[in-house]
Amino acid sequence: MPQGRNDLNSLGDDTYDGKYMPETNMLIDGLGQLSDGITGSEDMSFVDGRQPWIGWSNESNTHVTIIFQFDYIRQMNRVTIHTNNVFSKQISIFKTAVVTFSINGERTSYSNAIISEQ
């Protein structure tokens, strides 16, 4: 996934244990805040000195792709996406989320997509 926005509201993932690719701004081969089980508070307050939220800028009107890759096929029972609106900090939820699953990682082998529009 792309590293979160660090220039405004400190919304980058500072706990990521994988590789950061600065030339593409991508985080790869690791785990971080999206998998730590901690949900950010509604008031965007820090927890243990860290911002538990990750956010991206929509200035370029592009989408954010986040890929979770596992070492073997797993049964997924639930996907939870926790969002927040803090207009005073220029933070708002996304318009559309598309969740897809693939057995071999190829974009052509997606199962039925789950689409949520706000």
N, C-alpha and C. Protein backbone atom coordinates (compact mmCIF):
# COMPACT_ATOMS: atom_id res chain seq x y z
N MET A 1 0.83 -1.18 0.00
CA MET A 1 0.00 0.00 0.00
C MET A 1 0.88 1.24 0.00
N PRO A 2 0.33 2.36 -0.40
CA PRO A 2 1.11 3.59 -0.30
C PRO A 2 1.26 4.00 1.17
N GLN A 3 2.39 4.62 1.49
CA GLN A 3 2.56 5.18 2.83
C GLN A 3 1.50 6.26 3.02
N GLY A 4 0.96 6.36 4.22
CA GLY A 4 -0.03 7.39 4.51
C GLY A 4 0.56 8.78 4.43
N ARG A 5 -0.31 9.75 4.49
CA ARG A 5 0.09 11.15 4.35
C ARG A 5 0.79 11.63 5.62
N ASN A 6 2.03 12.06 5.49
CA ASN A 6 2.80 12.53 6.63
C ASN A 6 2.90 14.05 6.72
N ASP A 7 2.56 14.75 5.66
CA ASP A 7 2.73 16.20 5.65
C ASP A 7 1.60 16.95 6.36
N LEU A 8 0.47 16.28 6.59
CA LEU A 8 -0.68 16.92 7.22
C LEU A 8 -1.31 15.91 8.17
N ASN A 9 -1.47 16.26 9.43
CA ASN A 9 -2.13 15.42 10.43
C ASN A 9 -1.38 14.14 10.79
N SER A 10 -0.17 13.95 10.34
CA SER A 10 0.66 12.78 10.69
C SER A 10 -0.11 11.47 10.51
N LEU A 11 -0.57 11.20 9.30
CA LEU A 11 -1.38 10.02 9.04
C LEU A 11 -0.62 8.91 8.34
N GLY A 12 0.69 8.87 8.50
CA GLY A 12 1.50 7.79 7.96
C GLY A 12 1.59 6.64 8.94
N ASP A 13 2.00 5.48 8.46
CA ASP A 13 2.15 4.30 9.30
C ASP A 13 3.57 4.25 9.85
N ASP A 14 3.74 4.67 11.10
CA ASP A 14 5.07 4.71 11.69
C ASP A 14 5.42 3.42 12.44
N THR A 15 4.56 2.39 12.34
CA THR A 15 4.85 1.11 12.99
C THR A 15 5.18 0.02 11.97
N TYR A 16 5.21 0.36 10.70
CA TYR A 16 5.39 -0.64 9.65
C TYR A 16 6.73 -1.35 9.79
N ASP A 17 6.72 -2.69 9.73
CA ASP A 17 7.96 -3.45 9.93
C ASP A 17 8.54 -4.02 8.63
N GLY A 18 7.94 -3.68 7.51
CA GLY A 18 8.44 -4.16 6.22
C GLY A 18 9.34 -3.14 5.56
N LYS A 19 9.37 -3.18 4.25
CA LYS A 19 10.23 -2.29 3.47
C LYS A 19 9.45 -1.06 3.01
N TYR A 20 10.12 0.08 3.05
CA TYR A 20 9.57 1.31 2.48
C TYR A 20 10.32 1.61 1.20
N MET A 21 9.59 1.77 0.10
CA MET A 21 10.18 2.07 -1.19
C MET A 21 9.96 3.56 -1.49
N PRO A 22 10.93 4.43 -1.18
CA PRO A 22 10.71 5.87 -1.32
C PRO A 22 10.43 6.32 -2.75
N GLU A 23 10.98 5.62 -3.74
CA GLU A 23 10.76 6.04 -5.13
C GLU A 23 9.31 5.90 -5.56
N THR A 24 8.57 4.98 -4.92
CA THR A 24 7.15 4.79 -5.24
C THR A 24 6.23 5.11 -4.07
N ASN A 25 6.80 5.44 -2.91
CA ASN A 25 6.06 5.72 -1.67
C ASN A 25 5.25 4.52 -1.21
N MET A 26 5.75 3.30 -1.50
CA MET A 26 5.01 2.09 -1.16
C MET A 26 5.62 1.37 0.04
N LEU A 27 4.74 0.74 0.84
CA LEU A 27 5.12 -0.14 1.93
C LEU A 27 4.88 -1.57 1.46
N ILE A 28 5.90 -2.44 1.55
CA ILE A 28 5.74 -3.81 1.06
C ILE A 28 6.33 -4.81 2.06
N ASP A 29 5.86 -6.03 1.99
CA ASP A 29 6.42 -7.17 2.73
C ASP A 29 6.47 -6.97 4.24
N GLY A 30 5.40 -6.48 4.81
CA GLY A 30 5.41 -6.30 6.26
C GLY A 30 4.03 -6.09 6.84
N LEU A 31 4.01 -5.82 8.12
CA LEU A 31 2.76 -5.55 8.84
C LEU A 31 2.87 -4.18 9.50
N GLY A 32 1.72 -3.57 9.72
CA GLY A 32 1.71 -2.26 10.37
C GLY A 32 0.37 -2.00 11.00
N GLN A 33 -0.01 -0.75 11.03
CA GLN A 33 -1.21 -0.32 11.73
C GLN A 33 -2.50 -0.91 11.17
N LEU A 34 -2.55 -1.26 9.91
CA LEU A 34 -3.79 -1.83 9.36
C LEU A 34 -4.06 -3.24 9.86
N SER A 35 -3.09 -3.84 10.52
CA SER A 35 -3.28 -5.21 11.00
C SER A 35 -2.99 -5.36 12.49
N ASP A 36 -2.91 -4.25 13.23
CA ASP A 36 -2.55 -4.34 14.65
C ASP A 36 -3.74 -4.50 15.58
N GLY A 37 -4.97 -4.40 15.07
CA GLY A 37 -6.15 -4.58 15.90
C GLY A 37 -6.55 -3.36 16.71
N ILE A 38 -5.83 -2.26 16.58
CA ILE A 38 -6.15 -1.04 17.31
C ILE A 38 -7.00 -0.14 16.42
N THR A 39 -8.15 0.28 16.94
CA THR A 39 -9.03 1.18 16.21
C THR A 39 -8.82 2.59 16.71
N GLY A 40 -8.64 3.53 15.81
CA GLY A 40 -8.43 4.92 16.20
C GLY A 40 -9.68 5.52 16.83
N SER A 41 -9.46 6.47 17.72
CA SER A 41 -10.58 7.12 18.42
C SER A 41 -11.26 8.12 17.49
N GLU A 42 -12.49 8.43 17.81
CA GLU A 42 -13.26 9.36 16.98
C GLU A 42 -12.65 10.76 16.97
N ASP A 43 -11.98 11.15 18.05
CA ASP A 43 -11.42 12.50 18.12
C ASP A 43 -9.99 12.58 17.57
N MET A 44 -9.54 11.51 16.96
CA MET A 44 -8.22 11.45 16.32
C MET A 44 -7.08 11.63 17.32
N SER A 45 -7.28 11.29 18.58
CA SER A 45 -6.23 11.47 19.59
C SER A 45 -5.15 10.40 19.44
N PHE A 46 -3.99 10.71 19.95
CA PHE A 46 -2.85 9.80 19.90
C PHE A 46 -3.00 8.71 20.96
N VAL A 47 -2.49 7.51 20.67
CA VAL A 47 -2.49 6.39 21.60
C VAL A 47 -1.03 5.98 21.79
N ASP A 48 -0.56 5.99 23.02
CA ASP A 48 0.84 5.66 23.33
C ASP A 48 1.81 6.48 22.47
N GLY A 49 1.49 7.74 22.25
CA GLY A 49 2.37 8.63 21.50
C GLY A 49 2.29 8.48 20.00
N ARG A 50 1.37 7.65 19.51
CA ARG A 50 1.26 7.41 18.06
C ARG A 50 -0.15 7.74 17.57
N GLN A 51 -0.23 8.14 16.33
CA GLN A 51 -1.51 8.36 15.69
C GLN A 51 -1.98 7.02 15.14
N PRO A 52 -3.09 6.45 15.64
CA PRO A 52 -3.51 5.12 15.19
C PRO A 52 -4.25 5.13 13.84
N TRP A 53 -4.37 6.29 13.23
CA TRP A 53 -5.03 6.40 11.93
C TRP A 53 -4.01 6.43 10.81
N ILE A 54 -4.41 5.96 9.64
CA ILE A 54 -3.63 6.12 8.42
C ILE A 54 -4.53 6.79 7.41
N GLY A 55 -4.01 7.76 6.68
CA GLY A 55 -4.82 8.48 5.70
C GLY A 55 -4.02 8.85 4.48
N TRP A 56 -4.72 9.06 3.39
CA TRP A 56 -4.09 9.41 2.12
C TRP A 56 -4.74 10.65 1.55
N SER A 57 -4.01 11.36 0.75
CA SER A 57 -4.52 12.56 0.10
C SER A 57 -5.27 12.19 -1.17
N ASN A 58 -6.31 12.93 -1.46
CA ASN A 58 -7.06 12.72 -2.69
C ASN A 58 -6.83 13.87 -3.67
N GLU A 59 -5.71 14.56 -3.53
CA GLU A 59 -5.43 15.70 -4.40
C GLU A 59 -5.28 15.30 -5.86
N SER A 60 -4.82 14.07 -6.11
CA SER A 60 -4.62 13.63 -7.49
C SER A 60 -5.84 12.89 -8.04
N ASN A 61 -6.90 12.76 -7.22
CA ASN A 61 -8.13 12.07 -7.63
C ASN A 61 -7.86 10.64 -8.09
N THR A 62 -6.92 9.97 -7.45
CA THR A 62 -6.65 8.57 -7.77
C THR A 62 -7.13 7.70 -6.62
N HIS A 63 -7.20 6.42 -6.85
CA HIS A 63 -7.62 5.50 -5.80
C HIS A 63 -6.40 4.95 -5.06
N VAL A 64 -6.65 4.45 -3.86
CA VAL A 64 -5.61 3.83 -3.05
C VAL A 64 -5.84 2.32 -3.11
N THR A 65 -4.81 1.57 -3.47
CA THR A 65 -4.89 0.12 -3.50
C THR A 65 -4.10 -0.44 -2.33
N ILE A 66 -4.76 -1.27 -1.54
CA ILE A 66 -4.11 -1.94 -0.41
C ILE A 66 -4.23 -3.43 -0.65
N ILE A 67 -3.11 -4.13 -0.67
CA ILE A 67 -3.11 -5.57 -0.92
C ILE A 67 -2.61 -6.28 0.34
N PHE A 68 -3.41 -7.20 0.84
CA PHE A 68 -3.00 -8.07 1.93
C PHE A 68 -2.65 -9.41 1.31
N GLN A 69 -1.42 -9.83 1.44
CA GLN A 69 -0.95 -11.07 0.84
C GLN A 69 -0.64 -12.06 1.95
N PHE A 70 -1.18 -13.27 1.85
CA PHE A 70 -0.99 -14.30 2.86
C PHE A 70 -0.13 -15.44 2.31
N ASP A 71 0.46 -16.21 3.19
CA ASP A 71 1.34 -17.30 2.76
C ASP A 71 0.58 -18.53 2.30
N TYR A 72 -0.70 -18.62 2.62
CA TYR A 72 -1.54 -19.71 2.12
C TYR A 72 -2.99 -19.24 2.10
N ILE A 73 -3.87 -19.98 1.44
CA ILE A 73 -5.28 -19.60 1.30
C ILE A 73 -5.94 -19.61 2.68
N ARG A 74 -6.67 -18.55 2.97
CA ARG A 74 -7.36 -18.43 4.25
C ARG A 74 -8.83 -18.13 4.03
N GLN A 75 -9.63 -18.53 4.96
CA GLN A 75 -11.06 -18.22 4.91
C GLN A 75 -11.26 -16.85 5.56
N MET A 76 -11.85 -15.93 4.82
CA MET A 76 -12.11 -14.58 5.34
C MET A 76 -13.58 -14.52 5.76
N ASN A 77 -13.82 -14.26 7.03
CA ASN A 77 -15.18 -14.16 7.55
C ASN A 77 -15.65 -12.72 7.67
N ARG A 78 -14.72 -11.79 7.74
CA ARG A 78 -15.11 -10.40 7.93
C ARG A 78 -13.99 -9.47 7.49
N VAL A 79 -14.38 -8.37 6.89
CA VAL A 79 -13.47 -7.28 6.58
C VAL A 79 -14.09 -6.03 7.19
N THR A 80 -13.35 -5.36 8.07
CA THR A 80 -13.86 -4.15 8.72
C THR A 80 -13.02 -2.97 8.27
N ILE A 81 -13.68 -1.93 7.80
CA ILE A 81 -13.01 -0.69 7.39
C ILE A 81 -13.56 0.40 8.30
N HIS A 82 -12.70 0.95 9.14
CA HIS A 82 -13.10 1.99 10.10
C HIS A 82 -12.66 3.34 9.53
N THR A 83 -13.60 4.26 9.40
CA THR A 83 -13.30 5.57 8.80
C THR A 83 -13.68 6.68 9.77
N ASN A 84 -13.28 7.90 9.42
CA ASN A 84 -13.56 9.04 10.27
C ASN A 84 -13.72 10.30 9.43
N ASN A 85 -14.54 11.22 9.91
CA ASN A 85 -14.71 12.55 9.34
C ASN A 85 -14.31 13.58 10.38
N VAL A 86 -13.27 14.34 10.10
CA VAL A 86 -12.89 15.47 10.95
C VAL A 86 -12.65 16.64 10.00
N PHE A 87 -13.73 17.31 9.65
CA PHE A 87 -13.64 18.35 8.64
C PHE A 87 -12.69 19.48 9.02
N SER A 88 -12.56 19.76 10.33
CA SER A 88 -11.65 20.83 10.77
C SER A 88 -10.20 20.50 10.47
N LYS A 89 -9.88 19.22 10.26
CA LYS A 89 -8.52 18.80 9.93
C LYS A 89 -8.42 18.33 8.47
N GLN A 90 -9.42 18.66 7.67
CA GLN A 90 -9.47 18.28 6.25
C GLN A 90 -9.44 16.77 6.08
N ILE A 91 -10.15 16.06 6.95
CA ILE A 91 -10.21 14.60 6.91
C ILE A 91 -11.65 14.18 6.64
N SER A 92 -11.84 13.35 5.62
CA SER A 92 -13.18 12.85 5.31
C SER A 92 -13.08 11.42 4.80
N ILE A 93 -14.21 10.73 4.83
CA ILE A 93 -14.22 9.33 4.41
C ILE A 93 -14.14 9.22 2.89
N PHE A 94 -13.82 8.04 2.43
CA PHE A 94 -13.74 7.78 1.00
C PHE A 94 -15.15 7.68 0.41
N LYS A 95 -15.24 7.81 -0.88
CA LYS A 95 -16.53 7.72 -1.56
C LYS A 95 -16.93 6.28 -1.82
N THR A 96 -15.99 5.45 -2.25
CA THR A 96 -16.28 4.07 -2.62
C THR A 96 -15.17 3.16 -2.14
N ALA A 97 -15.54 1.99 -1.65
CA ALA A 97 -14.57 0.95 -1.31
C ALA A 97 -14.91 -0.29 -2.11
N VAL A 98 -13.93 -0.87 -2.74
CA VAL A 98 -14.10 -2.12 -3.49
C VAL A 98 -13.17 -3.15 -2.86
N VAL A 99 -13.73 -4.23 -2.36
CA VAL A 99 -12.95 -5.30 -1.74
C VAL A 99 -13.04 -6.52 -2.64
N THR A 100 -11.89 -7.02 -3.05
CA THR A 100 -11.86 -8.19 -3.91
C THR A 100 -10.92 -9.23 -3.30
N PHE A 101 -11.09 -10.46 -3.72
CA PHE A 101 -10.26 -11.56 -3.24
C PHE A 101 -9.70 -12.31 -4.43
N SER A 102 -8.47 -12.79 -4.31
CA SER A 102 -7.83 -13.51 -5.39
C SER A 102 -7.08 -14.70 -4.81
N ILE A 103 -7.14 -15.82 -5.48
CA ILE A 103 -6.42 -17.00 -5.01
C ILE A 103 -4.94 -16.95 -5.36
N ASN A 104 -4.61 -16.47 -6.55
CA ASN A 104 -3.21 -16.51 -6.98
C ASN A 104 -2.57 -15.12 -7.10
N GLY A 105 -3.26 -14.08 -6.66
CA GLY A 105 -2.69 -12.74 -6.72
C GLY A 105 -2.88 -12.03 -8.03
N GLU A 106 -3.38 -12.72 -9.02
CA GLU A 106 -3.62 -12.11 -10.33
C GLU A 106 -4.92 -11.32 -10.30
N ARG A 107 -4.89 -10.15 -10.88
CA ARG A 107 -6.09 -9.30 -10.90
C ARG A 107 -7.21 -9.90 -11.74
N THR A 108 -6.90 -10.84 -12.60
CA THR A 108 -7.92 -11.46 -13.44
C THR A 108 -8.65 -12.60 -12.74
N SER A 109 -8.20 -12.99 -11.54
CA SER A 109 -8.82 -14.13 -10.87
C SER A 109 -9.65 -13.72 -9.65
N TYR A 110 -10.10 -12.47 -9.63
CA TYR A 110 -10.90 -12.00 -8.50
C TYR A 110 -12.21 -12.78 -8.39
N SER A 111 -12.63 -13.01 -7.16
CA SER A 111 -13.96 -13.54 -6.93
C SER A 111 -14.95 -12.38 -6.99
N ASN A 112 -16.16 -12.59 -6.63
CA ASN A 112 -17.15 -11.52 -6.63
C ASN A 112 -16.69 -10.37 -5.76
N ALA A 113 -16.78 -9.17 -6.27
CA ALA A 113 -16.33 -7.99 -5.53
C ALA A 113 -17.41 -7.52 -4.57
N ILE A 114 -16.98 -6.94 -3.45
CA ILE A 114 -17.87 -6.30 -2.49
C ILE A 114 -17.67 -4.80 -2.68
N ILE A 115 -18.74 -4.08 -3.00
CA ILE A 115 -18.64 -2.66 -3.26
C ILE A 115 -19.49 -1.90 -2.26
N SER A 116 -18.91 -0.90 -1.64
CA SER A 116 -19.64 -0.05 -0.69
C SER A 116 -19.49 1.40 -1.13
N GLU A 117 -20.59 2.07 -1.34
CA GLU A 117 -20.55 3.47 -1.75
C GLU A 117 -21.21 4.32 -0.68
N GLN A 118 -20.56 5.44 -0.34
CA GLN A 118 -21.07 6.35 0.68
C GLN A 118 -21.92 7.44 0.07
